[in-house]
N, C-alpha and C. Protein backbone atom coordinates (compact mmCIF):
# COMPACT_ATOMS: atom_id res chain seq x y z
N UNK A 1 30.66 -29.93 17.11
CA UNK A 1 30.03 -29.92 15.81
C UNK A 1 28.51 -29.70 15.94
N UNK A 2 27.90 -30.40 16.90
CA UNK A 2 26.46 -30.25 17.09
C UNK A 2 26.11 -28.84 17.53
N UNK A 3 26.96 -28.22 18.37
CA UNK A 3 26.67 -26.86 18.82
C UNK A 3 26.78 -25.85 17.68
N UNK A 4 27.65 -26.10 16.71
CA UNK A 4 27.77 -25.21 15.55
C UNK A 4 26.50 -25.32 14.70
N UNK A 5 26.02 -26.53 14.47
CA UNK A 5 24.79 -26.72 13.69
C UNK A 5 23.60 -26.09 14.40
N UNK A 6 23.55 -26.24 15.72
CA UNK A 6 22.47 -25.63 16.49
C UNK A 6 22.54 -24.11 16.40
N UNK A 7 23.74 -23.57 16.49
CA UNK A 7 23.92 -22.12 16.40
C UNK A 7 23.45 -21.62 15.03
N UNK A 8 23.84 -22.32 13.95
CA UNK A 8 23.40 -21.93 12.60
C UNK A 8 21.88 -22.01 12.47
N UNK A 9 21.29 -23.05 13.04
CA UNK A 9 19.84 -23.19 13.01
C UNK A 9 19.16 -22.04 13.73
N UNK A 10 19.66 -21.68 14.91
CA UNK A 10 19.07 -20.59 15.68
C UNK A 10 19.24 -19.26 14.97
N UNK A 11 20.39 -19.03 14.34
CA UNK A 11 20.60 -17.79 13.58
C UNK A 11 19.62 -17.73 12.41
N UNK A 12 19.45 -18.86 11.73
CA UNK A 12 18.51 -18.91 10.61
C UNK A 12 17.08 -18.63 11.05
N UNK A 13 16.65 -19.23 12.13
CA UNK A 13 15.30 -18.99 12.65
C UNK A 13 15.13 -17.54 13.08
N UNK A 14 16.12 -17.00 13.77
CA UNK A 14 16.05 -15.60 14.22
C UNK A 14 15.96 -14.65 13.04
N UNK A 15 16.75 -14.90 12.01
CA UNK A 15 16.74 -14.04 10.82
C UNK A 15 15.38 -14.11 10.13
N UNK A 16 14.84 -15.31 10.00
CA UNK A 16 13.53 -15.47 9.37
C UNK A 16 12.45 -14.73 10.15
N UNK A 17 12.47 -14.86 11.46
CA UNK A 17 11.48 -14.15 12.28
C UNK A 17 11.62 -12.65 12.16
N UNK A 18 12.85 -12.16 12.18
CA UNK A 18 13.08 -10.72 12.06
C UNK A 18 12.57 -10.20 10.72
N UNK A 19 12.90 -10.89 9.64
CA UNK A 19 12.46 -10.44 8.32
C UNK A 19 10.96 -10.52 8.17
N UNK A 20 10.34 -11.55 8.69
CA UNK A 20 8.88 -11.67 8.56
C UNK A 20 8.17 -10.61 9.40
N UNK A 21 8.71 -10.26 10.54
CA UNK A 21 8.13 -9.21 11.38
C UNK A 21 8.24 -7.87 10.68
N UNK A 22 9.39 -7.59 10.06
CA UNK A 22 9.58 -6.34 9.34
C UNK A 22 8.61 -6.24 8.17
N UNK A 23 8.46 -7.32 7.41
CA UNK A 23 7.55 -7.31 6.28
C UNK A 23 6.11 -7.11 6.74
N UNK A 24 5.73 -7.77 7.81
CA UNK A 24 4.37 -7.62 8.33
C UNK A 24 4.12 -6.19 8.78
N UNK A 25 5.08 -5.59 9.43
CA UNK A 25 4.92 -4.21 9.90
C UNK A 25 4.72 -3.27 8.73
N UNK A 26 5.45 -3.47 7.64
CA UNK A 26 5.32 -2.58 6.49
C UNK A 26 4.06 -2.89 5.70
N UNK A 27 3.78 -4.17 5.48
CA UNK A 27 2.68 -4.53 4.60
C UNK A 27 1.36 -4.75 5.32
N UNK A 28 1.37 -4.82 6.63
CA UNK A 28 0.14 -4.99 7.39
C UNK A 28 -0.59 -3.67 7.53
N UNK A 29 -1.48 -3.62 8.49
CA UNK A 29 -2.32 -2.44 8.71
C UNK A 29 -2.00 -1.73 10.02
N UNK A 30 -1.09 -2.26 10.82
CA UNK A 30 -0.83 -1.69 12.15
C UNK A 30 -0.35 -0.24 12.09
N UNK A 31 0.28 0.16 11.02
CA UNK A 31 0.82 1.51 10.89
C UNK A 31 -0.25 2.53 10.48
N UNK A 32 -1.45 2.03 10.15
CA UNK A 32 -2.49 2.89 9.59
C UNK A 32 -3.69 3.02 10.54
N UNK A 33 -4.42 4.14 10.37
CA UNK A 33 -5.64 4.35 11.13
C UNK A 33 -6.69 3.29 10.78
N UNK A 34 -7.60 3.04 11.69
CA UNK A 34 -8.67 2.08 11.44
C UNK A 34 -9.77 2.65 10.56
N UNK A 35 -10.02 3.95 10.66
CA UNK A 35 -11.06 4.60 9.88
C UNK A 35 -10.55 4.98 8.50
N UNK A 36 -11.47 4.99 7.53
CA UNK A 36 -11.11 5.38 6.18
C UNK A 36 -11.00 6.89 6.03
N UNK A 37 -10.10 7.29 5.17
CA UNK A 37 -9.93 8.68 4.77
C UNK A 37 -10.15 8.74 3.27
N UNK A 38 -10.76 9.81 2.79
CA UNK A 38 -10.95 10.00 1.35
C UNK A 38 -10.09 11.18 0.89
N UNK A 39 -9.29 10.93 -0.14
CA UNK A 39 -8.47 11.97 -0.75
C UNK A 39 -8.91 12.18 -2.19
N UNK A 40 -8.97 13.41 -2.62
CA UNK A 40 -9.26 13.73 -4.01
C UNK A 40 -8.11 14.58 -4.51
N UNK A 41 -7.49 14.14 -5.61
CA UNK A 41 -6.34 14.88 -6.11
C UNK A 41 -5.99 14.50 -7.53
N UNK A 42 -4.74 14.77 -7.89
CA UNK A 42 -4.24 14.53 -9.24
C UNK A 42 -3.02 13.61 -9.16
N UNK A 43 -3.03 12.59 -9.98
CA UNK A 43 -1.88 11.67 -10.01
C UNK A 43 -0.65 12.39 -10.54
N UNK A 44 0.43 12.26 -9.80
CA UNK A 44 1.72 12.81 -10.23
C UNK A 44 2.63 11.73 -10.80
N UNK A 45 2.49 10.51 -10.24
CA UNK A 45 3.37 9.42 -10.64
C UNK A 45 2.68 8.08 -10.39
N UNK A 46 2.89 7.13 -11.30
CA UNK A 46 2.39 5.77 -11.16
C UNK A 46 3.59 4.84 -11.18
N UNK A 47 3.67 3.91 -10.22
CA UNK A 47 4.79 2.98 -10.16
C UNK A 47 4.29 1.55 -9.92
N UNK A 48 4.84 0.63 -10.68
CA UNK A 48 4.57 -0.79 -10.46
C UNK A 48 5.82 -1.50 -9.94
N UNK A 49 6.78 -0.74 -9.47
CA UNK A 49 8.04 -1.29 -8.96
C UNK A 49 7.82 -1.99 -7.63
N UNK A 50 8.64 -3.01 -7.32
CA UNK A 50 8.53 -3.69 -6.02
C UNK A 50 8.77 -2.71 -4.88
N UNK A 51 8.19 -2.92 -3.70
CA UNK A 51 7.54 -4.15 -3.28
C UNK A 51 6.06 -4.21 -3.66
N UNK A 52 5.46 -3.08 -4.04
CA UNK A 52 4.05 -3.09 -4.43
C UNK A 52 3.78 -1.85 -5.27
N UNK A 53 2.75 -1.90 -6.10
CA UNK A 53 2.39 -0.72 -6.88
C UNK A 53 2.03 0.45 -5.96
N UNK A 54 2.33 1.64 -6.45
CA UNK A 54 2.04 2.84 -5.66
C UNK A 54 1.82 4.02 -6.58
N UNK A 55 1.28 5.06 -6.00
CA UNK A 55 1.03 6.31 -6.70
C UNK A 55 1.57 7.46 -5.86
N UNK A 56 1.90 8.54 -6.52
CA UNK A 56 2.11 9.81 -5.83
C UNK A 56 0.97 10.70 -6.32
N UNK A 57 0.21 11.23 -5.37
CA UNK A 57 -0.99 12.02 -5.67
C UNK A 57 -0.85 13.39 -5.04
N UNK A 58 -1.10 14.42 -5.82
CA UNK A 58 -1.07 15.80 -5.32
C UNK A 58 -2.45 16.16 -4.82
N UNK A 59 -2.55 16.51 -3.52
CA UNK A 59 -3.81 16.88 -2.89
C UNK A 59 -3.61 18.26 -2.25
N UNK A 60 -4.30 19.26 -2.78
CA UNK A 60 -4.21 20.63 -2.25
C UNK A 60 -2.76 21.05 -2.06
N UNK A 61 -1.92 20.79 -3.04
CA UNK A 61 -0.53 21.21 -3.01
C UNK A 61 0.43 20.27 -2.31
N UNK A 62 -0.08 19.27 -1.60
CA UNK A 62 0.76 18.31 -0.90
C UNK A 62 0.85 17.00 -1.67
N UNK A 63 2.04 16.40 -1.71
CA UNK A 63 2.23 15.10 -2.34
C UNK A 63 1.94 13.99 -1.33
N UNK A 64 1.15 13.01 -1.74
CA UNK A 64 0.79 11.87 -0.90
C UNK A 64 1.32 10.59 -1.53
N UNK A 65 1.92 9.74 -0.72
CA UNK A 65 2.30 8.39 -1.12
C UNK A 65 1.07 7.51 -0.94
N UNK A 66 0.62 6.88 -2.03
CA UNK A 66 -0.55 6.01 -1.99
C UNK A 66 -0.10 4.59 -2.32
N UNK A 67 -0.11 3.72 -1.31
CA UNK A 67 0.24 2.32 -1.52
C UNK A 67 -1.00 1.57 -1.99
N UNK A 68 -0.84 0.82 -3.06
CA UNK A 68 -1.92 -0.02 -3.56
C UNK A 68 -1.78 -1.40 -2.95
N UNK A 69 -2.55 -2.38 -3.41
CA UNK A 69 -2.43 -3.74 -2.90
C UNK A 69 -1.15 -4.38 -3.40
N UNK A 70 -0.89 -5.60 -2.94
CA UNK A 70 0.27 -6.31 -3.47
C UNK A 70 0.02 -6.51 -4.97
N UNK A 71 1.04 -6.89 -5.73
CA UNK A 71 0.86 -6.99 -7.19
C UNK A 71 -0.34 -7.84 -7.62
N UNK A 72 -0.58 -8.97 -6.95
CA UNK A 72 -1.73 -9.81 -7.32
C UNK A 72 -3.06 -9.13 -7.02
N UNK A 73 -3.17 -8.49 -5.86
CA UNK A 73 -4.41 -7.79 -5.51
C UNK A 73 -4.66 -6.63 -6.47
N UNK A 74 -3.62 -5.91 -6.79
CA UNK A 74 -3.76 -4.77 -7.69
C UNK A 74 -4.22 -5.26 -9.06
N UNK A 75 -3.64 -6.34 -9.54
CA UNK A 75 -4.05 -6.91 -10.82
C UNK A 75 -5.50 -7.38 -10.78
N UNK A 76 -5.89 -8.06 -9.69
CA UNK A 76 -7.28 -8.52 -9.56
C UNK A 76 -8.28 -7.36 -9.55
N UNK A 77 -7.84 -6.21 -9.03
CA UNK A 77 -8.73 -5.05 -8.99
C UNK A 77 -8.99 -4.49 -10.39
N UNK A 78 -8.15 -4.89 -11.35
CA UNK A 78 -8.28 -4.37 -12.71
C UNK A 78 -7.30 -3.25 -13.01
N UNK A 79 -6.60 -2.77 -11.98
CA UNK A 79 -5.65 -1.68 -12.19
C UNK A 79 -4.35 -2.25 -12.73
N UNK A 80 -3.92 -1.75 -13.89
CA UNK A 80 -2.72 -2.24 -14.56
C UNK A 80 -2.03 -1.07 -15.25
N UNK A 81 -0.86 -1.35 -15.81
CA UNK A 81 -0.16 -0.32 -16.58
C UNK A 81 -1.12 0.21 -17.64
N UNK A 82 -1.22 1.52 -17.74
CA UNK A 82 -2.12 2.14 -18.70
C UNK A 82 -3.48 2.50 -18.14
N UNK A 83 -3.79 2.03 -16.93
CA UNK A 83 -5.09 2.37 -16.32
C UNK A 83 -5.15 3.83 -15.89
N UNK A 84 -3.98 4.42 -15.63
CA UNK A 84 -3.92 5.81 -15.18
C UNK A 84 -2.58 6.40 -15.58
N UNK A 85 -2.56 7.72 -15.63
CA UNK A 85 -1.31 8.41 -15.97
C UNK A 85 -1.23 9.71 -15.18
N UNK A 86 -0.05 10.28 -15.15
CA UNK A 86 0.13 11.57 -14.49
C UNK A 86 -0.85 12.57 -15.08
N UNK A 87 -1.50 13.33 -14.20
CA UNK A 87 -2.47 14.33 -14.62
C UNK A 87 -3.92 13.88 -14.45
N UNK A 88 -4.13 12.56 -14.32
CA UNK A 88 -5.49 12.06 -14.11
C UNK A 88 -5.99 12.43 -12.72
N UNK A 89 -7.28 12.79 -12.65
CA UNK A 89 -7.93 13.02 -11.36
C UNK A 89 -8.18 11.67 -10.70
N UNK A 90 -8.07 11.62 -9.38
CA UNK A 90 -8.24 10.37 -8.65
C UNK A 90 -8.91 10.63 -7.31
N UNK A 91 -9.72 9.67 -6.89
CA UNK A 91 -10.24 9.65 -5.53
C UNK A 91 -9.68 8.39 -4.88
N UNK A 92 -9.09 8.57 -3.71
CA UNK A 92 -8.49 7.46 -2.96
C UNK A 92 -9.29 7.28 -1.68
N UNK A 93 -9.74 6.07 -1.44
CA UNK A 93 -10.35 5.70 -0.17
C UNK A 93 -9.38 4.74 0.49
N UNK A 94 -8.95 5.07 1.71
CA UNK A 94 -7.98 4.19 2.34
C UNK A 94 -7.73 4.55 3.79
N UNK A 95 -6.70 3.95 4.32
CA UNK A 95 -6.32 4.14 5.72
C UNK A 95 -4.99 4.87 5.77
N UNK A 96 -5.02 6.07 6.33
CA UNK A 96 -3.81 6.89 6.35
C UNK A 96 -2.91 6.51 7.51
N UNK A 97 -1.68 6.94 7.42
CA UNK A 97 -0.68 6.66 8.43
C UNK A 97 -1.09 7.25 9.77
N UNK A 98 -0.80 6.49 10.84
CA UNK A 98 -1.02 7.01 12.20
C UNK A 98 -0.12 8.22 12.46
N UNK A 99 1.02 8.27 11.79
CA UNK A 99 1.96 9.38 11.92
C UNK A 99 1.50 10.51 11.01
N UNK A 100 0.83 11.50 11.58
CA UNK A 100 0.23 12.59 10.80
C UNK A 100 1.27 13.46 10.09
N UNK A 101 2.55 13.31 10.44
CA UNK A 101 3.59 14.08 9.75
C UNK A 101 3.89 13.47 8.38
N UNK A 102 3.35 12.27 8.11
CA UNK A 102 3.57 11.60 6.83
C UNK A 102 2.29 11.64 6.01
N UNK A 103 2.40 12.06 4.77
CA UNK A 103 1.28 12.01 3.83
C UNK A 103 1.35 10.65 3.14
N UNK A 104 0.85 9.65 3.83
CA UNK A 104 0.96 8.26 3.39
C UNK A 104 -0.36 7.56 3.67
N UNK A 105 -0.87 6.85 2.67
CA UNK A 105 -2.15 6.17 2.81
C UNK A 105 -2.10 4.84 2.08
N UNK A 106 -2.76 3.85 2.65
CA UNK A 106 -2.90 2.54 2.02
C UNK A 106 -4.30 2.49 1.42
N UNK A 107 -4.37 2.41 0.10
CA UNK A 107 -5.65 2.47 -0.59
C UNK A 107 -6.42 1.16 -0.48
N UNK A 108 -7.70 1.27 -0.20
CA UNK A 108 -8.58 0.11 -0.30
C UNK A 108 -9.36 0.18 -1.62
N UNK A 109 -9.57 1.42 -2.11
CA UNK A 109 -10.22 1.65 -3.42
C UNK A 109 -9.63 2.92 -4.01
N UNK A 110 -9.41 2.89 -5.31
CA UNK A 110 -9.11 4.12 -6.03
C UNK A 110 -10.15 4.24 -7.14
N UNK A 111 -10.51 5.47 -7.46
CA UNK A 111 -11.48 5.73 -8.52
C UNK A 111 -10.86 6.70 -9.51
N UNK A 112 -10.81 6.27 -10.77
CA UNK A 112 -10.24 7.08 -11.84
C UNK A 112 -11.21 7.05 -13.01
N UNK A 113 -11.57 8.23 -13.52
CA UNK A 113 -12.50 8.33 -14.66
C UNK A 113 -13.78 7.54 -14.41
N UNK A 114 -14.27 7.58 -13.16
CA UNK A 114 -15.53 6.92 -12.82
C UNK A 114 -15.42 5.42 -12.60
N UNK A 115 -14.24 4.85 -12.75
CA UNK A 115 -14.06 3.40 -12.57
C UNK A 115 -13.41 3.13 -11.22
N UNK A 116 -14.04 2.23 -10.45
CA UNK A 116 -13.49 1.82 -9.15
C UNK A 116 -12.53 0.65 -9.33
N UNK A 117 -11.40 0.75 -8.63
CA UNK A 117 -10.43 -0.34 -8.54
C UNK A 117 -10.34 -0.70 -7.06
N UNK A 118 -10.94 -1.81 -6.69
CA UNK A 118 -11.00 -2.21 -5.29
C UNK A 118 -9.83 -3.12 -4.94
N UNK A 119 -8.85 -2.58 -4.22
CA UNK A 119 -7.68 -3.34 -3.81
C UNK A 119 -8.03 -4.33 -2.70
N UNK A 120 -8.85 -3.85 -1.76
CA UNK A 120 -9.26 -4.65 -0.60
C UNK A 120 -10.77 -4.56 -0.47
N UNK A 121 -11.54 -5.22 -1.33
CA UNK A 121 -13.00 -5.08 -1.31
C UNK A 121 -13.62 -5.47 0.03
N UNK A 122 -12.99 -6.40 0.74
CA UNK A 122 -13.54 -6.84 2.02
C UNK A 122 -13.45 -5.74 3.09
N UNK A 123 -12.64 -4.72 2.87
CA UNK A 123 -12.48 -3.64 3.83
C UNK A 123 -13.36 -2.43 3.51
N UNK A 124 -14.10 -2.49 2.42
CA UNK A 124 -14.92 -1.35 1.98
C UNK A 124 -16.33 -1.51 2.54
N UNK A 125 -16.75 -0.49 3.26
CA UNK A 125 -18.10 -0.44 3.82
C UNK A 125 -18.78 0.77 3.22
N UNK A 126 -19.85 0.62 2.51
CA UNK A 126 -20.67 1.69 1.93
C UNK A 126 -20.12 3.09 2.13
N UNK A 127 -19.02 3.41 1.52
CA UNK A 127 -18.43 4.76 1.59
C UNK A 127 -18.76 5.53 0.35
């Protein structure tokens, strides 16, 4: 009986560690370059669906996935439903994927109609 409880405990701990590692890999910064990249383009799509708000931005004919902050960070930045729509011009400052075959960037700031939305203000250095 004790060995069954121990086995269940170990399975639970292993599952928790696996899931937290996966979430950290996706939501952390390890997948992205350390230097900032600036993109200027046109919003194609705005999404507030889980796991985090995101945009699809057309830049010189290519579609880019732009991940914003988690829902709380995005809300604190002032960016909310209605802040932008398809067709709006946008400037994205962020960290792009280390995998250059992917048009994917994690935004630290987006600028729409002259208004800055700082997702990660602590990561912005006079850009």
